[in-house]
Amino acid sequence: MIRIKAEIKLFMSEVGRKTPFTNGYRPLFNFKSEIKTSGQIALIDRKEFNPGDEGIVEIAFLNKDYLGIDFGIGTKFTFGEGGEPLGEGEVKAIII
């Protein structure tokens, strides 16, 4: 398992997510082209994350192999629940 701190933004969209997510949200993350991996978001300074919000969160991944060979501080990614991304982020720290 690997945990990171990341700055994320949840997009505001007419067709995307319209409701907030809470601690434990498990979207699919895309670090490498055409490969998605599941991760679990832990909220740090709030109880919910609303569309349009930006902030720092912790994300836990079970397997580092799907994060790409260039994975590290500064790596950018998208996340969502299927088709179009619902948000984006950047790795700020690697915890484990």
PDB file of N, CA and C in Angstrom:
ATOM      1  N   MET A   1       0.849  -1.183   0.000  1.00  0.00           N
ATOM      2  CA  MET A   1       0.000   0.000   0.000  1.00  0.00           C
ATOM      3  C   MET A   1       0.885   1.234   0.000  1.00  0.00           C
ATOM      4  N   ILE A   2       0.401   2.277  -0.655  1.00  0.00           N
ATOM      5  CA  ILE A   2       1.088   3.562  -0.676  1.00  0.00           C
ATOM      6  C   ILE A   2       0.057   4.653  -0.397  1.00  0.00           C
ATOM      7  N   ARG A   3       0.447   5.616   0.427  1.00  0.00           N
ATOM      8  CA  ARG A   3      -0.435   6.746   0.736  1.00  0.00           C
ATOM      9  C   ARG A   3       0.254   8.026   0.305  1.00  0.00           C
ATOM     10  N   ILE A   4      -0.561   8.958  -0.210  1.00  0.00           N
ATOM     11  CA  ILE A   4      -0.026  10.244  -0.642  1.00  0.00           C
ATOM     12  C   ILE A   4      -0.888  11.367  -0.093  1.00  0.00           C
ATOM     13  N   LYS A   5      -0.313  12.562  -0.062  1.00  0.00           N
ATOM     14  CA  LYS A   5      -1.093  13.784   0.123  1.00  0.00           C
ATOM     15  C   LYS A   5      -1.155  14.420  -1.255  1.00  0.00           C
ATOM     16  N   ALA A   6      -2.345  14.889  -1.610  1.00  0.00           N
ATOM     17  CA  ALA A   6      -2.529  15.495  -2.921  1.00  0.00           C
ATOM     18  C   ALA A   6      -3.439  16.697  -2.819  1.00  0.00           C
ATOM     19  N   GLU A   7      -3.212  17.650  -3.699  1.00  0.00           N
ATOM     20  CA  GLU A   7      -4.139  18.764  -3.844  1.00  0.00           C
ATOM     21  C   GLU A   7      -5.076  18.392  -4.982  1.00  0.00           C
ATOM     22  N   ILE A   8      -6.375  18.373  -4.698  1.00  0.00           N
ATOM     23  CA  ILE A   8      -7.348  17.989  -5.716  1.00  0.00           C
ATOM     24  C   ILE A   8      -8.372  19.088  -5.939  1.00  0.00           C
ATOM     25  N   LYS A   9      -9.016  19.011  -7.085  1.00  0.00           N
ATOM     26  CA  LYS A   9     -10.126  19.904  -7.436  1.00  0.00           C
ATOM     27  C   LYS A   9     -11.242  19.026  -7.977  1.00  0.00           C
ATOM     28  N   LEU A  10     -12.444  19.200  -7.437  1.00  0.00           N
ATOM     29  CA  LEU A  10     -13.632  18.508  -7.934  1.00  0.00           C
ATOM     30  C   LEU A  10     -14.350  19.477  -8.862  1.00  0.00           C
ATOM     31  N   PHE A  11     -14.457  19.085 -10.139  1.00  0.00           N
ATOM     32  CA  PHE A  11     -15.044  19.977 -11.139  1.00  0.00           C
ATOM     33  C   PHE A  11     -16.508  20.261 -10.851  1.00  0.00           C
ATOM     34  N   MET A  12     -16.939  21.476 -11.212  1.00  0.00           N
ATOM     35  CA  MET A  12     -18.367  21.809 -11.259  1.00  0.00           C
ATOM     36  C   MET A  12     -18.791  21.550 -12.697  1.00  0.00           C
ATOM     37  N   SER A  13     -19.894  20.829 -12.869  1.00  0.00           N
ATOM     38  CA  SER A  13     -20.285  20.468 -14.216  1.00  0.00           C
ATOM     39  C   SER A  13     -21.773  20.188 -14.278  1.00  0.00           C
ATOM     40  N   GLU A  14     -22.356  20.491 -15.401  1.00  0.00           N
ATOM     41  CA  GLU A  14     -23.766  20.168 -15.625  1.00  0.00           C
ATOM     42  C   GLU A  14     -23.975  18.668 -15.770  1.00  0.00           C
ATOM     43  N   VAL A  15     -22.983  17.970 -16.317  1.00  0.00           N
ATOM     44  CA  VAL A  15     -23.135  16.534 -16.567  1.00  0.00           C
ATOM     45  C   VAL A  15     -22.336  15.674 -15.588  1.00  0.00           C
ATOM     46  N   GLY A  16     -21.445  16.258 -14.800  1.00  0.00           N
ATOM     47  CA  GLY A  16     -20.629  15.497 -13.857  1.00  0.00           C
ATOM     48  C   GLY A  16     -21.285  15.352 -12.499  1.00  0.00           C
ATOM     49  N   ARG A  17     -20.486  15.155 -11.495  1.00  0.00           N
ATOM     50  CA  ARG A  17     -20.968  14.976 -10.133  1.00  0.00           C
ATOM     51  C   ARG A  17     -21.602  16.264  -9.616  1.00  0.00           C
ATOM     52  N   LYS A  18     -22.788  16.151  -9.071  1.00  0.00           N
ATOM     53  CA  LYS A  18     -23.510  17.317  -8.560  1.00  0.00           C
ATOM     54  C   LYS A  18     -23.603  17.323  -7.044  1.00  0.00           C
ATOM     55  N   THR A  19     -23.193  16.227  -6.405  1.00  0.00           N
ATOM     56  CA  THR A  19     -23.280  16.107  -4.955  1.00  0.00           C
ATOM     57  C   THR A  19     -21.873  15.989  -4.365  1.00  0.00           C
ATOM     58  N   PRO A  20     -21.711  16.343  -3.097  1.00  0.00           N
ATOM     59  CA  PRO A  20     -20.397  16.216  -2.467  1.00  0.00           C
ATOM     60  C   PRO A  20     -20.059  14.755  -2.193  1.00  0.00           C
ATOM     61  N   PHE A  21     -18.766  14.498  -1.972  1.00  0.00           N
ATOM     62  CA  PHE A  21     -18.364  13.182  -1.480  1.00  0.00           C
ATOM     63  C   PHE A  21     -17.819  13.344  -0.067  1.00  0.00           C
ATOM     64  N   THR A  22     -17.804  12.248   0.666  1.00  0.00           N
ATOM     65  CA  THR A  22     -17.350  12.260   2.060  1.00  0.00           C
ATOM     66  C   THR A  22     -16.127  11.359   2.214  1.00  0.00           C
ATOM     67  N   ASN A  23     -15.631  11.293   3.440  1.00  0.00           N
ATOM     68  CA  ASN A  23     -14.478  10.472   3.773  1.00  0.00           C
ATOM     69  C   ASN A  23     -14.701   9.038   3.297  1.00  0.00           C
ATOM     70  N   GLY A  24     -13.686   8.446   2.671  1.00  0.00           N
ATOM     71  CA  GLY A  24     -13.781   7.073   2.208  1.00  0.00           C
ATOM     72  C   GLY A  24     -14.195   6.927   0.752  1.00  0.00           C
ATOM     73  N   TYR A  25     -14.418   8.036   0.041  1.00  0.00           N
ATOM     74  CA  TYR A  25     -14.781   8.008  -1.378  1.00  0.00           C
ATOM     75  C   TYR A  25     -13.715   7.258  -2.173  1.00  0.00           C
ATOM     76  N   ARG A  26     -14.147   6.352  -3.075  1.00  0.00           N
ATOM     77  CA  ARG A  26     -13.225   5.499  -3.825  1.00  0.00           C
ATOM     78  C   ARG A  26     -13.421   5.652  -5.336  1.00  0.00           C
ATOM     79  N   PRO A  27     -12.966   6.748  -5.913  1.00  0.00           N
ATOM     80  CA  PRO A  27     -13.066   6.890  -7.365  1.00  0.00           C
ATOM     81  C   PRO A  27     -11.938   6.124  -8.063  1.00  0.00           C
ATOM     82  N   LEU A  28     -11.966   6.137  -9.378  1.00  0.00           N
ATOM     83  CA  LEU A  28     -10.876   5.585 -10.182  1.00  0.00           C
ATOM     84  C   LEU A  28      -9.914   6.716 -10.527  1.00  0.00           C
ATOM     85  N   PHE A  29      -8.619   6.455 -10.393  1.00  0.00           N
ATOM     86  CA  PHE A  29      -7.578   7.442 -10.661  1.00  0.00           C
ATOM     87  C   PHE A  29      -6.842   7.062 -11.929  1.00  0.00           C
ATOM     88  N   ASN A  30      -6.444   8.087 -12.691  1.00  0.00           N
ATOM     89  CA  ASN A  30      -5.723   7.863 -13.928  1.00  0.00           C
ATOM     90  C   ASN A  30      -4.399   8.616 -13.870  1.00  0.00           C
ATOM     91  N   PHE A  31      -3.308   7.861 -13.652  1.00  0.00           N
ATOM     92  CA  PHE A  31      -1.963   8.429 -13.646  1.00  0.00           C
ATOM     93  C   PHE A  31      -1.276   8.182 -14.979  1.00  0.00           C
ATOM     94  N   LYS A  32      -1.624   7.057 -15.625  1.00  0.00           N
ATOM     95  CA  LYS A  32      -1.040   6.661 -16.899  1.00  0.00           C
ATOM     96  C   LYS A  32      -2.156   6.574 -17.926  1.00  0.00           C
ATOM     97  N   SER A  33      -1.822   6.824 -19.146  1.00  0.00           N
ATOM     98  CA  SER A  33      -2.811   6.782 -20.220  1.00  0.00           C
ATOM     99  C   SER A  33      -3.509   5.428 -20.284  1.00  0.00           C
ATOM    100  N   GLU A  34      -4.819   5.451 -20.275  1.00  0.00           N
ATOM    101  CA  GLU A  34      -5.684   4.294 -20.457  1.00  0.00           C
ATOM    102  C   GLU A  34      -5.608   3.244 -19.346  1.00  0.00           C
ATOM    103  N   ILE A  35      -4.986   3.558 -18.206  1.00  0.00           N
ATOM    104  CA  ILE A  35      -4.966   2.634 -17.070  1.00  0.00           C
ATOM    105  C   ILE A  35      -5.544   3.358 -15.865  1.00  0.00           C
ATOM    106  N   LYS A  36      -6.592   2.800 -15.286  1.00  0.00           N
ATOM    107  CA  LYS A  36      -7.216   3.383 -14.106  1.00  0.00           C
ATOM    108  C   LYS A  36      -6.982   2.463 -12.909  1.00  0.00           C
ATOM    109  N   THR A  37      -6.845   3.060 -11.740  1.00  0.00           N
ATOM    110  CA  THR A  37      -6.670   2.292 -10.516  1.00  0.00           C
ATOM    111  C   THR A  37      -7.526   2.912  -9.412  1.00  0.00           C
ATOM    112  N   SER A  38      -7.987   2.082  -8.517  1.00  0.00           N
ATOM    113  CA  SER A  38      -8.826   2.536  -7.419  1.00  0.00           C
ATOM    114  C   SER A  38      -7.972   3.083  -6.280  1.00  0.00           C
ATOM    115  N   GLY A  39      -8.486   4.107  -5.634  1.00  0.00           N
ATOM    116  CA  GLY A  39      -7.840   4.669  -4.463  1.00  0.00           C
ATOM    117  C   GLY A  39      -8.919   5.184  -3.521  1.00  0.00           C
ATOM    118  N   GLN A  40      -8.568   5.287  -2.239  1.00  0.00           N
ATOM    119  CA  GLN A  40      -9.534   5.756  -1.244  1.00  0.00           C
ATOM    120  C   GLN A  40      -9.098   7.106  -0.699  1.00  0.00           C
ATOM    121  N   ILE A  41     -10.012   8.089  -0.770  1.00  0.00           N
ATOM    122  CA  ILE A  41      -9.720   9.448  -0.322  1.00  0.00           C
ATOM    123  C   ILE A  41     -10.110   9.619   1.143  1.00  0.00           C
ATOM    124  N   ALA A  42      -9.176  10.167   1.925  1.00  0.00           N
ATOM    125  CA  ALA A  42      -9.442  10.543   3.318  1.00  0.00           C
ATOM    126  C   ALA A  42      -9.416  12.066   3.387  1.00  0.00           C
ATOM    127  N   LEU A  43     -10.518  12.657   3.807  1.00  0.00           N
ATOM    128  CA  LEU A  43     -10.592  14.110   3.933  1.00  0.00           C
ATOM    129  C   LEU A  43      -9.828  14.550   5.180  1.00  0.00           C
ATOM    130  N   ILE A  44      -9.107  15.651   5.078  1.00  0.00           N
ATOM    131  CA  ILE A  44      -8.254  16.106   6.180  1.00  0.00           C
ATOM    132  C   ILE A  44      -8.911  17.216   6.991  1.00  0.00           C
ATOM    133  N   ASP A  45      -9.434  18.226   6.318  1.00  0.00           N
ATOM    134  CA  ASP A  45      -9.891  19.430   7.028  1.00  0.00           C
ATOM    135  C   ASP A  45     -11.368  19.752   6.816  1.00  0.00           C
ATOM    136  N   ARG A  46     -12.157  18.751   6.441  1.00  0.00           N
ATOM    137  CA  ARG A  46     -13.584  18.989   6.184  1.00  0.00           C
ATOM    138  C   ARG A  46     -14.343  17.679   6.253  1.00  0.00           C
ATOM    139  N   LYS A  47     -15.657  17.771   6.339  1.00  0.00           N
ATOM    140  CA  LYS A  47     -16.504  16.576   6.408  1.00  0.00           C
ATOM    141  C   LYS A  47     -17.001  16.143   5.038  1.00  0.00           C
ATOM    142  N   GLU A  48     -17.043  17.101   4.079  1.00  0.00           N
ATOM    143  CA  GLU A  48     -17.443  16.767   2.721  1.00  0.00           C
ATOM    144  C   GLU A  48     -16.709  17.650   1.730  1.00  0.00           C
ATOM    145  N   PHE A  49     -16.612  17.150   0.503  1.00  0.00           N
ATOM    146  CA  PHE A  49     -15.905  17.830  -0.571  1.00  0.00           C
ATOM    147  C   PHE A  49     -16.920  18.082  -1.671  1.00  0.00           C
ATOM    148  N   ASN A  50     -17.241  19.345  -1.921  1.00  0.00           N
ATOM    149  CA  ASN A  50     -18.298  19.735  -2.853  1.00  0.00           C
ATOM    150  C   ASN A  50     -17.761  20.029  -4.250  1.00  0.00           C
ATOM    151  N   PRO A  51     -18.610  19.875  -5.277  1.00  0.00           N
ATOM    152  CA  PRO A  51     -18.199  20.302  -6.619  1.00  0.00           C
ATOM    153  C   PRO A  51     -17.735  21.757  -6.579  1.00  0.00           C
ATOM    154  N   GLY A  52     -16.595  22.015  -7.207  1.00  0.00           N
ATOM    155  CA  GLY A  52     -15.993  23.347  -7.185  1.00  0.00           C
ATOM    156  C   GLY A  52     -14.944  23.517  -6.103  1.00  0.00           C
ATOM    157  N   ASP A  53     -14.910  22.613  -5.114  1.00  0.00           N
ATOM    158  CA  ASP A  53     -13.926  22.703  -4.029  1.00  0.00           C
ATOM    159  C   ASP A  53     -12.533  22.298  -4.500  1.00  0.00           C
ATOM    160  N   GLU A  54     -11.533  22.885  -3.841  1.00  0.00           N
ATOM    161  CA  GLU A  54     -10.136  22.506  -3.996  1.00  0.00           C
ATOM    162  C   GLU A  54      -9.576  22.318  -2.596  1.00  0.00           C
ATOM    163  N   GLY A  55      -8.665  21.354  -2.429  1.00  0.00           N
ATOM    164  CA  GLY A  55      -8.082  21.156  -1.115  1.00  0.00           C
ATOM    165  C   GLY A  55      -7.111  19.998  -1.065  1.00  0.00           C
ATOM    166  N   ILE A  56      -6.488  19.840   0.085  1.00  0.00           N
ATOM    167  CA  ILE A  56      -5.523  18.772   0.313  1.00  0.00           C
ATOM    168  C   ILE A  56      -6.239  17.574   0.938  1.00  0.00           C
ATOM    169  N   VAL A  57      -5.951  16.386   0.419  1.00  0.00           N
ATOM    170  CA  VAL A  57      -6.519  15.136   0.920  1.00  0.00           C
ATOM    171  C   VAL A  57      -5.413  14.093   0.988  1.00  0.00           C
ATOM    172  N   GLU A  58      -5.681  12.997   1.688  1.00  0.00           N
ATOM    173  CA  GLU A  58      -4.808  11.827   1.638  1.00  0.00           C
ATOM    174  C   GLU A  58      -5.494  10.781   0.776  1.00  0.00           C
ATOM    175  N   ILE A  59      -4.710  10.073  -0.030  1.00  0.00           N
ATOM    176  CA  ILE A  59      -5.251   9.025  -0.891  1.00  0.00           C
ATOM    177  C   ILE A  59      -4.418   7.770  -0.690  1.00  0.00           C
ATOM    178  N   ALA A  60      -5.085   6.639  -0.473  1.00  0.00           N
ATOM    179  CA  ALA A  60      -4.409   5.352  -0.294  1.00  0.00           C
ATOM    180  C   ALA A  60      -4.642   4.482  -1.528  1.00  0.00           C
ATOM    181  N   PHE A  61      -3.568   3.894  -2.025  1.00  0.00           N
ATOM    182  CA  PHE A  61      -3.616   2.963  -3.152  1.00  0.00           C
ATOM    183  C   PHE A  61      -3.053   1.626  -2.701  1.00  0.00           C
ATOM    184  N   LEU A  62      -3.655   0.534  -3.157  1.00  0.00           N
ATOM    185  CA  LEU A  62      -3.170  -0.787  -2.779  1.00  0.00           C
ATOM    186  C   LEU A  62      -1.913  -1.186  -3.539  1.00  0.00           C
ATOM    187  N   ASN A  63      -1.759  -0.708  -4.775  1.00  0.00           N
ATOM    188  CA  ASN A  63      -0.662  -1.158  -5.615  1.00  0.00           C
ATOM    189  C   ASN A  63      -0.015   0.024  -6.326  1.00  0.00           C
ATOM    190  N   LYS A  64       1.280   0.206  -6.150  1.00  0.00           N
ATOM    191  CA  LYS A  64       2.005   1.310  -6.775  1.00  0.00           C
ATOM    192  C   LYS A  64       2.233   1.086  -8.272  1.00  0.00           C
ATOM    193  N   ASP A  65       2.116  -0.149  -8.746  1.00  0.00           N
ATOM    194  CA  ASP A  65       2.418  -0.471 -10.140  1.00  0.00           C
ATOM    195  C   ASP A  65       1.575   0.302 -11.143  1.00  0.00           C
ATOM    196  N   TYR A  66       0.360   0.687 -10.775  1.00  0.00           N
ATOM    197  CA  TYR A  66      -0.531   1.372 -11.704  1.00  0.00           C
ATOM    198  C   TYR A  66      -0.405   2.894 -11.648  1.00  0.00           C
ATOM    199  N   LEU A  67       0.569   3.383 -10.905  1.00  0.00           N
ATOM    200  CA  LEU A  67       0.753   4.823 -10.768  1.00  0.00           C
ATOM    201  C   LEU A  67       1.780   5.370 -11.759  1.00  0.00           C
ATOM    202  N   GLY A  68       2.459   4.492 -12.495  1.00  0.00           N
ATOM    203  CA  GLY A  68       3.402   4.901 -13.530  1.00  0.00           C
ATOM    204  C   GLY A  68       4.839   4.958 -13.043  1.00  0.00           C
ATOM    205  N   ILE A  69       5.767   4.822 -13.974  1.00  0.00           N
ATOM    206  CA  ILE A  69       7.192   4.814 -13.612  1.00  0.00           C
ATOM    207  C   ILE A  69       7.685   6.214 -13.236  1.00  0.00           C
ATOM    208  N   ASP A  70       6.998   7.238 -13.678  1.00  0.00           N
ATOM    209  CA  ASP A  70       7.385   8.613 -13.365  1.00  0.00           C
ATOM    210  C   ASP A  70       6.659   9.154 -12.132  1.00  0.00           C
ATOM    211  N   PHE A  71       5.967   8.284 -11.395  1.00  0.00           N
ATOM    212  CA  PHE A  71       5.194   8.697 -10.225  1.00  0.00           C
ATOM    213  C   PHE A  71       6.100   9.331  -9.174  1.00  0.00           C
ATOM    214  N   GLY A  72       5.674  10.478  -8.644  1.00  0.00           N
ATOM    215  CA  GLY A  72       6.420  11.156  -7.592  1.00  0.00           C
ATOM    216  C   GLY A  72       5.760  12.488  -7.271  1.00  0.00           C
ATOM    217  N   ILE A  73       6.409  13.259  -6.431  1.00  0.00           N
ATOM    218  CA  ILE A  73       5.894  14.581  -6.085  1.00  0.00           C
ATOM    219  C   ILE A  73       5.802  15.413  -7.363  1.00  0.00           C
ATOM    220  N   GLY A  74       4.657  16.035  -7.563  1.00  0.00           N
ATOM    221  CA  GLY A  74       4.417  16.831  -8.759  1.00  0.00           C
ATOM    222  C   GLY A  74       3.657  16.096  -9.855  1.00  0.00           C
ATOM    223  N   THR A  75       3.491  14.767  -9.711  1.00  0.00           N
ATOM    224  CA  THR A  75       2.746  14.000 -10.715  1.00  0.00           C
ATOM    225  C   THR A  75       1.292  14.446 -10.714  1.00  0.00           C
ATOM    226  N   LYS A  76       0.752  14.671 -11.889  1.00  0.00           N
ATOM    227  CA  LYS A  76      -0.648  15.094 -12.029  1.00  0.00           C
ATOM    228  C   LYS A  76      -1.498  13.893 -12.414  1.00  0.00           C
ATOM    229  N   PHE A  77      -2.774  13.939 -12.038  1.00  0.00           N
ATOM    230  CA  PHE A  77      -3.688  12.838 -12.314  1.00  0.00           C
ATOM    231  C   PHE A  77      -5.108  13.366 -12.440  1.00  0.00           C
ATOM    232  N   THR A  78      -5.981  12.515 -12.954  1.00  0.00           N
ATOM    233  CA  THR A  78      -7.412  12.800 -12.976  1.00  0.00           C
ATOM    234  C   THR A  78      -8.114  11.692 -12.192  1.00  0.00           C
ATOM    235  N   PHE A  79      -9.364  11.939 -11.809  1.00  0.00           N
ATOM    236  CA  PHE A  79     -10.137  10.908 -11.127  1.00  0.00           C
ATOM    237  C   PHE A  79     -11.603  11.042 -11.494  1.00  0.00           C
ATOM    238  N   GLY A  80     -12.327   9.946 -11.347  1.00  0.00           N
ATOM    239  CA  GLY A  80     -13.742   9.954 -11.679  1.00  0.00           C
ATOM    240  C   GLY A  80     -14.388   8.612 -11.401  1.00  0.00           C
ATOM    241  N   GLU A  81     -15.567   8.442 -11.954  1.00  0.00           N
ATOM    242  CA  GLU A  81     -16.347   7.228 -11.694  1.00  0.00           C
ATOM    243  C   GLU A  81     -16.613   6.445 -12.968  1.00  0.00           C
ATOM    244  N   GLY A  82     -15.881   6.722 -14.005  1.00  0.00           N
ATOM    245  CA  GLY A  82     -16.108   6.027 -15.265  1.00  0.00           C
ATOM    246  C   GLY A  82     -15.561   6.839 -16.411  1.00  0.00           C
ATOM    247  N   GLY A  83     -16.442   7.331 -17.274  1.00  0.00           N
ATOM    248  CA  GLY A  83     -16.062   8.047 -18.487  1.00  0.00           C
ATOM    249  C   GLY A  83     -15.233   9.288 -18.276  1.00  0.00           C
ATOM    250  N   GLU A  84     -15.880  10.439 -18.310  1.00  0.00           N
ATOM    251  CA  GLU A  84     -15.176  11.719 -18.201  1.00  0.00           C
ATOM    252  C   GLU A  84     -14.670  11.953 -16.775  1.00  0.00           C
ATOM    253  N   PRO A  85     -13.492  12.591 -16.632  1.00  0.00           N
ATOM    254  CA  PRO A  85     -12.978  12.894 -15.292  1.00  0.00           C
ATOM    255  C   PRO A  85     -13.912  13.830 -14.524  1.00  0.00           C
ATOM    256  N   LEU A  86     -14.023  13.581 -13.223  1.00  0.00           N
ATOM    257  CA  LEU A  86     -14.807  14.446 -12.336  1.00  0.00           C
ATOM    258  C   LEU A  86     -13.918  15.443 -11.612  1.00  0.00           C
ATOM    259  N   GLY A  87     -12.601  15.214 -11.655  1.00  0.00           N
ATOM    260  CA  GLY A  87     -11.673  16.098 -10.972  1.00  0.00           C
ATOM    261  C   GLY A  87     -10.248  15.819 -11.389  1.00  0.00           C
ATOM    262  N   GLU A  88      -9.349  16.631 -10.840  1.00  0.00           N
ATOM    263  CA  GLU A  88      -7.926  16.483 -11.135  1.00  0.00           C
ATOM    264  C   GLU A  88      -7.132  16.754  -9.872  1.00  0.00           C
ATOM    265  N   GLY A  89      -5.872  16.350  -9.900  1.00  0.00           N
ATOM    266  CA  GLY A  89      -5.043  16.579  -8.731  1.00  0.00           C
ATOM    267  C   GLY A  89      -3.566  16.513  -9.036  1.00  0.00           C
ATOM    268  N   GLU A  90      -2.781  16.788  -7.999  1.00  0.00           N
ATOM    269  CA  GLU A  90      -1.325  16.742  -8.093  1.00  0.00           C
ATOM    270  C   GLU A  90      -0.772  16.189  -6.789  1.00  0.00           C
ATOM    271  N   VAL A  91       0.193  15.275  -6.897  1.00  0.00           N
ATOM    272  CA  VAL A  91       0.830  14.681  -5.726  1.00  0.00           C
ATOM    273  C   VAL A  91       1.684  15.733  -5.044  1.00  0.00           C
ATOM    274  N   LYS A  92       1.450  15.956  -3.746  1.00  0.00           N
ATOM    275  CA  LYS A  92       2.215  16.934  -2.965  1.00  0.00           C
ATOM    276  C   LYS A  92       3.217  16.276  -2.025  1.00  0.00           C
ATOM    277  N   ALA A  93       2.934  15.046  -1.561  1.00  0.00           N
ATOM    278  CA  ALA A  93       3.837  14.322  -0.658  1.00  0.00           C
ATOM    279  C   ALA A  93       3.537  12.835  -0.733  1.00  0.00           C
ATOM    280  N   ILE A  94       4.557  12.027  -0.558  1.00  0.00           N
ATOM    281  CA  ILE A  94       4.394  10.577  -0.480  1.00  0.00           C
ATOM    282  C   ILE A  94       4.601  10.197   0.974  1.00  0.00           C
ATOM    283  N   ILE A  95       3.577   9.611   1.588  1.00  0.00           N
ATOM    284  CA  ILE A  95       3.608   9.313   3.017  1.00  0.00           C
ATOM    285  C   ILE A  95       4.240   7.937   3.256  1.00  0.00           C
ATOM    286  N   ILE A  96       3.814   6.938   2.512  1.00  0.00           N
ATOM    287  CA  ILE A  96       4.365   5.582   2.657  1.00  0.00           C
ATOM    288  C   ILE A  96       4.652   5.037   1.281  1.00  0.00           C
TER     289      ILE A  96
END
